[in-house]
């Protein structure tokens, strides 16, 4: 008697959602951007503070931030003449935990 196998349950998958996820993951796939994420997970920073830590010019840091804001990773808040950036996407913490445990431990 042939054995009956259960049909495998497949996880939900939407090509458009995966495309969006891939674009945002590509955006993260840069050493300076990963460092910026790591810093912002620990507090608010200005462009100048992030640039100084990363050893890059302010305009380059601004471009990195702009790309990551487009994915919804960060928000910015103006206080007087300064603009502070902070994490808006809580899942970045999980991604950074994975990166740190694999590559920084």
C-alpha atoms as a PDB file:
ATOM      1  CA  UNK A   1       0.000   0.000   0.000  1.00  0.00           C
ATOM      2  CA  UNK A   2       1.557   3.336  -1.022  1.00  0.00           C
ATOM      3  CA  UNK A   3       2.202   5.692   1.827  1.00  0.00           C
ATOM      4  CA  UNK A   4       0.535   9.037   1.684  1.00  0.00           C
ATOM      5  CA  UNK A   5       2.815  11.981   2.140  1.00  0.00           C
ATOM      6  CA  UNK A   6       1.588  15.205   3.540  1.00  0.00           C
ATOM      7  CA  UNK A   7       1.761  18.096   1.163  1.00  0.00           C
ATOM      8  CA  UNK A   8       4.533  20.443   2.210  1.00  0.00           C
ATOM      9  CA  UNK A   9       3.387  23.756   3.524  1.00  0.00           C
ATOM     10  CA  UNK A  10       5.236  26.559   1.834  1.00  0.00           C
ATOM     11  CA  UNK A  11       5.935  29.916   3.425  1.00  0.00           C
ATOM     12  CA  UNK A  12       4.151  32.878   1.940  1.00  0.00           C
ATOM     13  CA  UNK A  13       6.107  34.532  -0.839  1.00  0.00           C
ATOM     14  CA  UNK A  14       5.426  37.602  -2.910  1.00  0.00           C
ATOM     15  CA  UNK A  15       7.910  38.440  -5.686  1.00  0.00           C
ATOM     16  CA  UNK A  16       7.318  42.172  -5.289  1.00  0.00           C
ATOM     17  CA  UNK A  17       7.926  42.015  -1.531  1.00  0.00           C
ATOM     18  CA  UNK A  18      11.126  40.031  -2.096  1.00  0.00           C
ATOM     19  CA  UNK A  19      12.232  42.575  -4.674  1.00  0.00           C
ATOM     20  CA  UNK A  20      11.751  45.404  -2.181  1.00  0.00           C
ATOM     21  CA  UNK A  21      13.553  43.411   0.519  1.00  0.00           C
ATOM     22  CA  UNK A  22      16.475  42.732  -1.830  1.00  0.00           C
ATOM     23  CA  UNK A  23      16.816  46.435  -2.670  1.00  0.00           C
ATOM     24  CA  UNK A  24      16.901  47.406   1.002  1.00  0.00           C
ATOM     25  CA  UNK A  25      19.377  44.623   1.836  1.00  0.00           C
ATOM     26  CA  UNK A  26      21.598  45.809  -1.032  1.00  0.00           C
ATOM     27  CA  UNK A  27      21.444  49.286   0.451  1.00  0.00           C
ATOM     28  CA  UNK A  28      22.656  47.932   3.810  1.00  0.00           C
ATOM     29  CA  UNK A  29      25.462  45.956   2.173  1.00  0.00           C
ATOM     30  CA  UNK A  30      28.149  48.600   2.667  1.00  0.00           C
ATOM     31  CA  UNK A  31      30.632  48.797   5.554  1.00  0.00           C
ATOM     32  CA  UNK A  32      29.951  52.475   6.303  1.00  0.00           C
ATOM     33  CA  UNK A  33      26.191  51.943   6.236  1.00  0.00           C
ATOM     34  CA  UNK A  34      26.456  48.981   8.592  1.00  0.00           C
ATOM     35  CA  UNK A  35      28.510  51.101  10.993  1.00  0.00           C
ATOM     36  CA  UNK A  36      25.935  53.912  10.766  1.00  0.00           C
ATOM     37  CA  UNK A  37      23.171  51.425  11.602  1.00  0.00           C
ATOM     38  CA  UNK A  38      25.215  50.111  14.520  1.00  0.00           C
ATOM     39  CA  UNK A  39      25.736  53.626  15.887  1.00  0.00           C
ATOM     40  CA  UNK A  40      22.122  54.698  15.446  1.00  0.00           C
ATOM     41  CA  UNK A  41      20.888  51.587  17.227  1.00  0.00           C
ATOM     42  CA  UNK A  42      22.661  53.035  20.276  1.00  0.00           C
ATOM     43  CA  UNK A  43      21.432  56.624  20.054  1.00  0.00           C
ATOM     44  CA  UNK A  44      20.751  59.702  17.963  1.00  0.00           C
ATOM     45  CA  UNK A  45      23.542  61.245  15.921  1.00  0.00           C
ATOM     46  CA  UNK A  46      24.045  64.171  13.566  1.00  0.00           C
ATOM     47  CA  UNK A  47      25.545  63.787  10.095  1.00  0.00           C
ATOM     48  CA  UNK A  48      28.778  65.332  11.362  1.00  0.00           C
ATOM     49  CA  UNK A  49      29.051  62.914  14.270  1.00  0.00           C
ATOM     50  CA  UNK A  50      28.418  59.916  12.017  1.00  0.00           C
ATOM     51  CA  UNK A  51      30.848  61.189   9.382  1.00  0.00           C
ATOM     52  CA  UNK A  52      33.584  61.728  11.962  1.00  0.00           C
ATOM     53  CA  UNK A  53      33.177  58.236  13.420  1.00  0.00           C
ATOM     54  CA  UNK A  54      33.218  56.656   9.962  1.00  0.00           C
ATOM     55  CA  UNK A  55      36.131  58.779   8.721  1.00  0.00           C
ATOM     56  CA  UNK A  56      34.219  60.170   5.752  1.00  0.00           C
ATOM     57  CA  UNK A  57      33.196  63.674   4.636  1.00  0.00           C
ATOM     58  CA  UNK A  58      29.814  65.006   5.811  1.00  0.00           C
ATOM     59  CA  UNK A  59      28.386  65.016   2.274  1.00  0.00           C
ATOM     60  CA  UNK A  60      29.221  61.316   1.861  1.00  0.00           C
ATOM     61  CA  UNK A  61      27.568  60.492   5.191  1.00  0.00           C
ATOM     62  CA  UNK A  62      24.510  62.485   4.081  1.00  0.00           C
ATOM     63  CA  UNK A  63      24.268  60.415   0.911  1.00  0.00           C
ATOM     64  CA  UNK A  64      24.474  57.154   2.869  1.00  0.00           C
ATOM     65  CA  UNK A  65      21.746  58.400   5.225  1.00  0.00           C
ATOM     66  CA  UNK A  66      19.556  59.499   2.323  1.00  0.00           C
ATOM     67  CA  UNK A  67      19.751  56.051   0.713  1.00  0.00           C
ATOM     68  CA  UNK A  68      18.874  54.322   3.969  1.00  0.00           C
ATOM     69  CA  UNK A  69      16.052  56.749   4.746  1.00  0.00           C
ATOM     70  CA  UNK A  70      14.549  55.887   1.366  1.00  0.00           C
ATOM     71  CA  UNK A  71      14.205  52.288   2.632  1.00  0.00           C
ATOM     72  CA  UNK A  72      12.509  53.578   5.789  1.00  0.00           C
ATOM     73  CA  UNK A  73      15.393  52.662   8.078  1.00  0.00           C
ATOM     74  CA  UNK A  74      15.811  56.062   9.719  1.00  0.00           C
ATOM     75  CA  UNK A  75      13.960  59.206  10.636  1.00  0.00           C
ATOM     76  CA  UNK A  76      15.410  62.638  11.168  1.00  0.00           C
ATOM     77  CA  UNK A  77      14.490  65.384  13.585  1.00  0.00           C
ATOM     78  CA  UNK A  78      15.639  68.987  13.430  1.00  0.00           C
ATOM     79  CA  UNK A  79      16.676  70.709  16.638  1.00  0.00           C
ATOM     80  CA  UNK A  80      17.733  74.253  15.852  1.00  0.00           C
ATOM     81  CA  UNK A  81      20.467  74.021  13.237  1.00  0.00           C
ATOM     82  CA  UNK A  82      21.184  70.353  13.873  1.00  0.00           C
ATOM     83  CA  UNK A  83      19.450  67.355  12.364  1.00  0.00           C
ATOM     84  CA  UNK A  84      19.511  64.157  14.392  1.00  0.00           C
ATOM     85  CA  UNK A  85      19.001  60.726  12.861  1.00  0.00           C
ATOM     86  CA  UNK A  86      17.512  57.738  14.627  1.00  0.00           C
ATOM     87  CA  UNK A  87      16.375  54.227  13.763  1.00  0.00           C
ATOM     88  CA  UNK A  88      12.810  53.921  12.494  1.00  0.00           C
ATOM     89  CA  UNK A  89      12.925  50.235  11.500  1.00  0.00           C
ATOM     90  CA  UNK A  90      13.019  48.023  14.607  1.00  0.00           C
ATOM     91  CA  UNK A  91      14.101  44.957  12.597  1.00  0.00           C
ATOM     92  CA  UNK A  92      17.497  46.553  11.997  1.00  0.00           C
ATOM     93  CA  UNK A  93      18.412  45.425  15.516  1.00  0.00           C
ATOM     94  CA  UNK A  94      17.916  41.769  14.504  1.00  0.00           C
ATOM     95  CA  UNK A  95      19.980  42.221  11.346  1.00  0.00           C
ATOM     96  CA  UNK A  96      22.768  43.948  13.264  1.00  0.00           C
ATOM     97  CA  UNK A  97      22.714  41.243  15.963  1.00  0.00           C
ATOM     98  CA  UNK A  98      23.235  38.679  13.204  1.00  0.00           C
ATOM     99  CA  UNK A  99      26.103  40.682  11.660  1.00  0.00           C
ATOM    100  CA  UNK A 100      27.802  41.334  14.995  1.00  0.00           C
ATOM    101  CA  UNK A 101      27.537  37.757  16.226  1.00  0.00           C
ATOM    102  CA  UNK A 102      28.891  36.364  12.955  1.00  0.00           C
ATOM    103  CA  UNK A 103      31.599  38.895  12.104  1.00  0.00           C
ATOM    104  CA  UNK A 104      32.503  40.850  15.255  1.00  0.00           C
ATOM    105  CA  UNK A 105      32.617  38.097  17.872  1.00  0.00           C
END
